[in-house]
Amino acid sequence: MSTVLVVEDSRSQRECISHQLSCSGLNIMQASDGVEALAQIEKKYPDLILLDIVMPRLDGYGVCSLIKAHPETRNIPVVFLTGKGQRLDLFARSMDSAEAYVSKPWLPRELLATIKKVLLHANIKFDRASADAWTEYGILNLSTIELYQSRADAWTNYSGQIIKLYDSSLAAFEQALAIEPSHSTANKYRHKVQTIRTILMKKLEQTRPCKICYYYHGKDGINCALHPGCRPQEVCRDWKFN
């Protein structure tokens, strides 16, 4: 049974699509936005990704770029869900990286037929990637960080995602160096990321999250008012609990 990851920020549309595909014999994973989609893919590689374009935090184009650049997920087919008003010609490069697209409002038969056709012709293989491929993926993660940091609320709302992207880029450069220890570009970027990440972690340590943060973090999109950029696994000294 093939597994499809449905990525859609509208809960009603996500549940509707998931129900339709599940009734057609497909195993379904769900994600409400691009960041959650990448986290789901880390846990388990799906056989196909059905990807909405307009989403909060990280849109479909950004997700698709990261998926297709990652040496271990680049062969997973992507089908875009596109709205009628979206100018596909403006995003031709991103669209070319996907295997197909389905317009909203979708027709269930068309959606299912497209997914089955793409799955039939999919050639998912996880071969050994080159040092250059891992380096390119690491650099793409850094480009995604720049998009986050350009926002006014970057560190209040996206600190967790920024740190995770730095971790992903660092891991990619280390993979490249494991394959080719003398790879100059990977070595240069690894050193750069290590330095920046150390500075950022010191910055985040200045505000330590608490159990109040742990309760609210991510729940219905609410962050703790005291520590909006919290990491919920930690307990701060501002609060004492029995």
Protein backbone atom coordinates (compact mmCIF):
# COMPACT_ATOMS: atom_id res chain seq x y z
CA MET A 1 0.00 0.00 0.00
CA SER A 2 1.46 3.34 -1.08
CA THR A 3 1.76 6.16 1.44
CA VAL A 4 0.79 9.73 0.50
CA LEU A 5 1.70 12.76 2.61
CA VAL A 6 -1.10 15.34 2.31
CA VAL A 7 0.20 18.85 3.04
CA GLU A 8 -2.59 21.42 3.28
CA ASP A 9 -3.09 24.25 5.80
CA SER A 10 -6.89 24.17 5.50
CA ARG A 11 -8.01 21.50 7.94
CA SER A 12 -11.32 20.88 6.15
CA GLN A 13 -9.61 20.42 2.77
CA ARG A 14 -6.85 18.29 4.29
CA GLU A 15 -9.35 15.97 5.98
CA CYS A 16 -11.50 15.78 2.84
CA ILE A 17 -8.57 14.84 0.61
CA SER A 18 -7.25 12.35 3.16
CA HIS A 19 -10.63 10.66 3.43
CA GLN A 20 -10.99 10.40 -0.35
CA LEU A 21 -7.52 8.93 -0.81
CA SER A 22 -7.86 6.60 2.17
CA CYS A 23 -11.11 5.20 0.77
CA SER A 24 -9.22 4.52 -2.45
CA GLY A 25 -6.76 2.25 -0.68
CA LEU A 26 -3.90 4.65 0.04
CA ASN A 27 -2.14 5.05 3.38
CA ILE A 28 -2.25 8.71 4.48
CA MET A 29 0.06 10.98 6.44
CA GLN A 30 -0.93 14.60 7.12
CA ALA A 31 0.82 17.93 7.65
CA SER A 32 -0.73 21.37 8.17
CA ASP A 33 2.13 23.41 6.69
CA GLY A 34 5.57 23.19 5.14
CA VAL A 35 7.52 22.98 8.39
CA GLU A 36 5.36 20.13 9.67
CA ALA A 37 5.68 18.39 6.30
CA LEU A 38 9.48 18.37 6.52
CA ALA A 39 9.26 17.00 10.08
CA GLN A 40 6.94 14.20 8.90
CA ILE A 41 9.28 13.32 6.04
CA GLU A 42 12.17 13.04 8.50
CA LYS A 43 10.24 10.39 10.43
CA LYS A 44 9.10 8.37 7.42
CA TYR A 45 9.59 8.77 3.70
CA PRO A 46 6.23 8.74 1.89
CA ASP A 47 5.79 7.33 -1.61
CA LEU A 48 4.27 10.62 -2.83
CA ILE A 49 3.74 14.14 -1.48
CA LEU A 50 0.55 16.05 -2.28
CA LEU A 51 1.60 19.62 -1.63
CA ASP A 52 -0.44 22.81 -1.32
CA ILE A 53 1.34 25.97 -2.48
CA VAL A 54 0.13 28.82 -0.26
CA MET A 55 0.84 27.93 3.39
CA PRO A 56 2.12 29.72 6.52
CA ARG A 57 5.72 29.49 7.76
CA LEU A 58 7.08 27.74 4.64
CA ASP A 59 5.17 27.57 1.35
CA GLY A 60 4.93 24.69 -1.08
CA TYR A 61 7.65 26.00 -3.38
CA GLY A 62 10.13 26.17 -0.52
CA VAL A 63 9.20 22.68 0.67
CA CYS A 64 9.49 21.22 -2.82
CA SER A 65 12.90 22.82 -3.33
CA LEU A 66 14.23 21.31 -0.10
CA ILE A 67 12.76 17.89 -0.87
CA LYS A 68 14.20 17.81 -4.38
CA ALA A 69 17.61 19.08 -3.24
CA HIS A 70 17.96 16.54 -0.41
CA PRO A 71 19.96 13.58 -1.76
CA GLU A 72 17.78 11.06 0.12
CA THR A 73 14.35 12.48 -0.78
CA ARG A 74 14.90 13.98 -4.24
CA ASN A 75 13.26 11.02 -5.99
CA ILE A 76 10.02 11.20 -3.99
CA PRO A 77 7.35 12.46 -6.43
CA VAL A 78 5.55 15.72 -5.65
CA VAL A 79 2.09 16.72 -6.86
CA PHE A 80 1.19 20.37 -6.35
CA LEU A 81 -2.29 21.52 -5.36
CA THR A 82 -2.84 24.89 -7.02
CA GLY A 83 -5.54 27.51 -6.66
CA LYS A 84 -7.24 28.98 -9.72
CA GLY A 85 -5.76 32.43 -9.17
CA GLN A 86 -2.17 31.29 -8.78
CA ARG A 87 0.19 32.30 -11.60
CA LEU A 88 2.02 29.11 -12.44
CA ASP A 89 4.17 30.88 -15.02
CA LEU A 90 5.77 32.95 -12.25
CA PHE A 91 6.97 29.76 -10.57
CA ALA A 92 7.87 27.69 -13.64
CA ARG A 93 11.16 26.50 -12.14
CA SER A 94 9.46 25.21 -8.98
CA MET A 95 6.64 23.64 -10.98
CA ASP A 96 9.16 21.85 -13.18
CA SER A 97 10.61 20.15 -10.12
CA ALA A 98 7.23 18.58 -9.33
CA GLU A 99 5.89 15.57 -11.20
CA ALA A 100 2.35 16.95 -11.65
CA TYR A 101 -0.19 19.43 -10.36
CA VAL A 102 -3.94 19.40 -9.69
CA SER A 103 -6.05 22.55 -9.64
CA LYS A 104 -8.47 23.53 -6.88
CA PRO A 105 -11.32 22.89 -6.56
CA TRP A 106 -10.19 19.37 -7.36
CA LEU A 107 -12.26 16.59 -8.86
CA PRO A 108 -11.81 13.42 -6.77
CA ARG A 109 -11.44 11.20 -9.84
CA GLU A 110 -8.89 13.52 -11.42
CA LEU A 111 -6.93 13.78 -8.17
CA LEU A 112 -6.84 10.02 -7.67
CA ALA A 113 -6.00 9.34 -11.32
CA THR A 114 -3.10 11.82 -11.19
CA ILE A 115 -1.71 10.33 -7.99
CA LYS A 116 -1.95 6.76 -9.29
CA LYS A 117 -0.33 7.74 -12.59
CA VAL A 118 2.57 9.45 -10.82
CA LEU A 119 3.01 6.51 -8.42
CA LEU A 120 3.00 4.08 -11.36
CA HIS A 121 5.87 5.90 -13.05
CA ALA A 122 7.77 6.77 -9.85
CA ASN A 123 11.32 5.60 -9.63
CA ILE A 124 12.15 6.04 -5.97
CA LYS A 125 15.68 4.97 -5.21
CA PHE A 126 17.99 5.97 -2.43
CA ASP A 127 21.42 5.72 -3.99
CA ARG A 128 24.63 7.11 -2.58
CA ALA A 129 24.78 10.87 -3.12
CA SER A 130 27.87 12.84 -4.06
CA ALA A 131 29.64 15.37 -1.88
CA ASP A 132 28.50 18.10 -4.29
CA ALA A 133 24.83 17.08 -3.86
CA TRP A 134 25.04 17.26 -0.06
CA THR A 135 26.83 20.61 -0.27
CA GLU A 136 24.15 22.06 -2.56
CA TYR A 137 21.46 20.89 -0.16
CA GLY A 138 23.23 22.53 2.76
CA ILE A 139 23.50 25.81 0.86
CA LEU A 140 19.78 25.67 -0.01
CA ASN A 141 18.98 25.38 3.71
CA LEU A 142 20.99 28.54 4.31
CA SER A 143 19.01 30.32 1.57
CA THR A 144 15.78 29.27 3.30
CA ILE A 145 17.11 30.73 6.57
CA GLU A 146 17.55 34.07 4.81
CA LEU A 147 13.85 34.06 3.92
CA TYR A 148 12.93 33.56 7.58
CA GLN A 149 15.38 36.17 8.86
CA SER A 150 14.01 38.79 6.47
CA ARG A 151 10.75 38.80 8.47
CA ALA A 152 10.25 41.28 11.29
CA ASP A 153 9.07 38.52 13.66
CA ALA A 154 11.85 36.09 12.71
CA TRP A 155 13.15 35.39 16.22
CA THR A 156 9.86 35.60 18.08
CA ASN A 157 8.00 33.16 15.84
CA TYR A 158 10.58 31.22 13.86
CA SER A 159 13.62 30.70 16.08
CA GLY A 160 12.99 26.95 16.27
CA GLN A 161 12.77 26.59 12.50
CA ILE A 162 15.89 28.72 11.96
CA ILE A 163 17.98 26.64 14.36
CA LYS A 164 16.68 23.42 12.78
CA LEU A 165 17.63 24.65 9.32
CA TYR A 166 21.12 25.48 10.58
CA ASP A 167 21.33 21.95 12.00
CA SER A 168 20.19 20.47 8.67
CA SER A 169 22.75 22.49 6.72
CA LEU A 170 25.52 21.54 9.14
CA ALA A 171 24.58 17.85 8.85
CA ALA A 172 24.62 18.15 5.05
CA PHE A 173 28.11 19.65 4.98
CA GLU A 174 29.35 16.94 7.34
CA GLN A 175 27.85 14.30 5.03
CA ALA A 176 29.71 15.89 2.12
CA LEU A 177 33.00 15.86 4.04
CA ALA A 178 32.48 12.24 5.07
CA ILE A 179 32.37 11.37 1.35
CA GLU A 180 35.10 13.81 0.27
CA PRO A 181 37.15 15.13 3.23
CA SER A 182 38.97 17.66 1.05
CA HIS A 183 35.81 19.27 -0.35
CA SER A 184 36.71 22.95 0.05
CA THR A 185 33.20 24.42 -0.32
CA ALA A 186 31.65 22.05 2.24
CA ASN A 187 34.50 22.71 4.66
CA LYS A 188 34.14 26.49 4.29
CA TYR A 189 30.37 26.44 4.84
CA ARG A 190 30.59 24.00 7.75
CA HIS A 191 32.94 26.33 9.60
CA LYS A 192 30.70 29.30 8.82
CA VAL A 193 27.54 27.53 10.06
CA GLN A 194 29.24 26.27 13.23
CA THR A 195 30.29 29.82 14.10
CA ILE A 196 26.88 31.36 13.42
CA ARG A 197 25.01 28.59 15.26
CA THR A 198 27.18 29.05 18.38
CA ILE A 199 26.39 32.78 18.43
CA LEU A 200 22.65 32.17 17.95
CA MET A 201 22.48 29.55 20.70
CA LYS A 202 24.06 32.01 23.15
CA LYS A 203 21.47 34.57 22.08
CA LEU A 204 18.62 32.14 22.70
CA GLU A 205 20.01 31.10 26.07
CA GLN A 206 19.40 34.63 27.32
CA THR A 207 15.70 33.80 27.46
CA ARG A 208 15.08 30.40 28.95
CA PRO A 209 11.65 28.86 28.41
CA CYS A 210 9.48 27.44 31.15
CA LYS A 211 6.74 24.89 31.74
CA ILE A 212 4.19 27.53 30.86
CA CYS A 213 5.89 27.73 27.47
CA TYR A 214 5.82 23.94 27.27
CA TYR A 215 2.05 23.97 27.74
CA TYR A 216 1.32 26.66 25.19
CA HIS A 217 4.08 26.11 22.65
CA GLY A 218 2.51 25.15 19.35
CA LYS A 219 -0.95 24.65 20.82
CA ASP A 220 -3.43 26.30 18.45
CA GLY A 221 -0.59 28.47 17.20
CA ILE A 222 -0.06 30.06 20.63
CA ASN A 223 3.39 30.77 22.07
CA CYS A 224 4.16 31.78 25.62
CA ALA A 225 3.91 35.57 26.04
CA LEU A 226 6.92 35.63 28.37
CA HIS A 227 9.20 33.63 26.11
CA PRO A 228 7.79 33.69 22.56
CA GLY A 229 10.92 32.19 21.06
CA CYS A 230 11.01 29.30 23.50
CA ARG A 231 12.30 25.78 23.17
CA PRO A 232 9.61 23.88 25.07
CA GLN A 233 11.76 20.96 26.20
CA GLU A 234 13.57 23.14 28.74
CA VAL A 235 12.50 24.56 32.09
CA CYS A 236 13.52 28.11 32.98
CA ARG A 237 14.38 29.56 36.37
CA ASP A 238 11.56 32.12 36.24
CA TRP A 239 9.09 29.58 37.59
CA LYS A 240 9.15 27.11 40.49
CA PHE A 241 6.89 24.07 40.45
CA ASN A 242 6.36 21.38 43.01
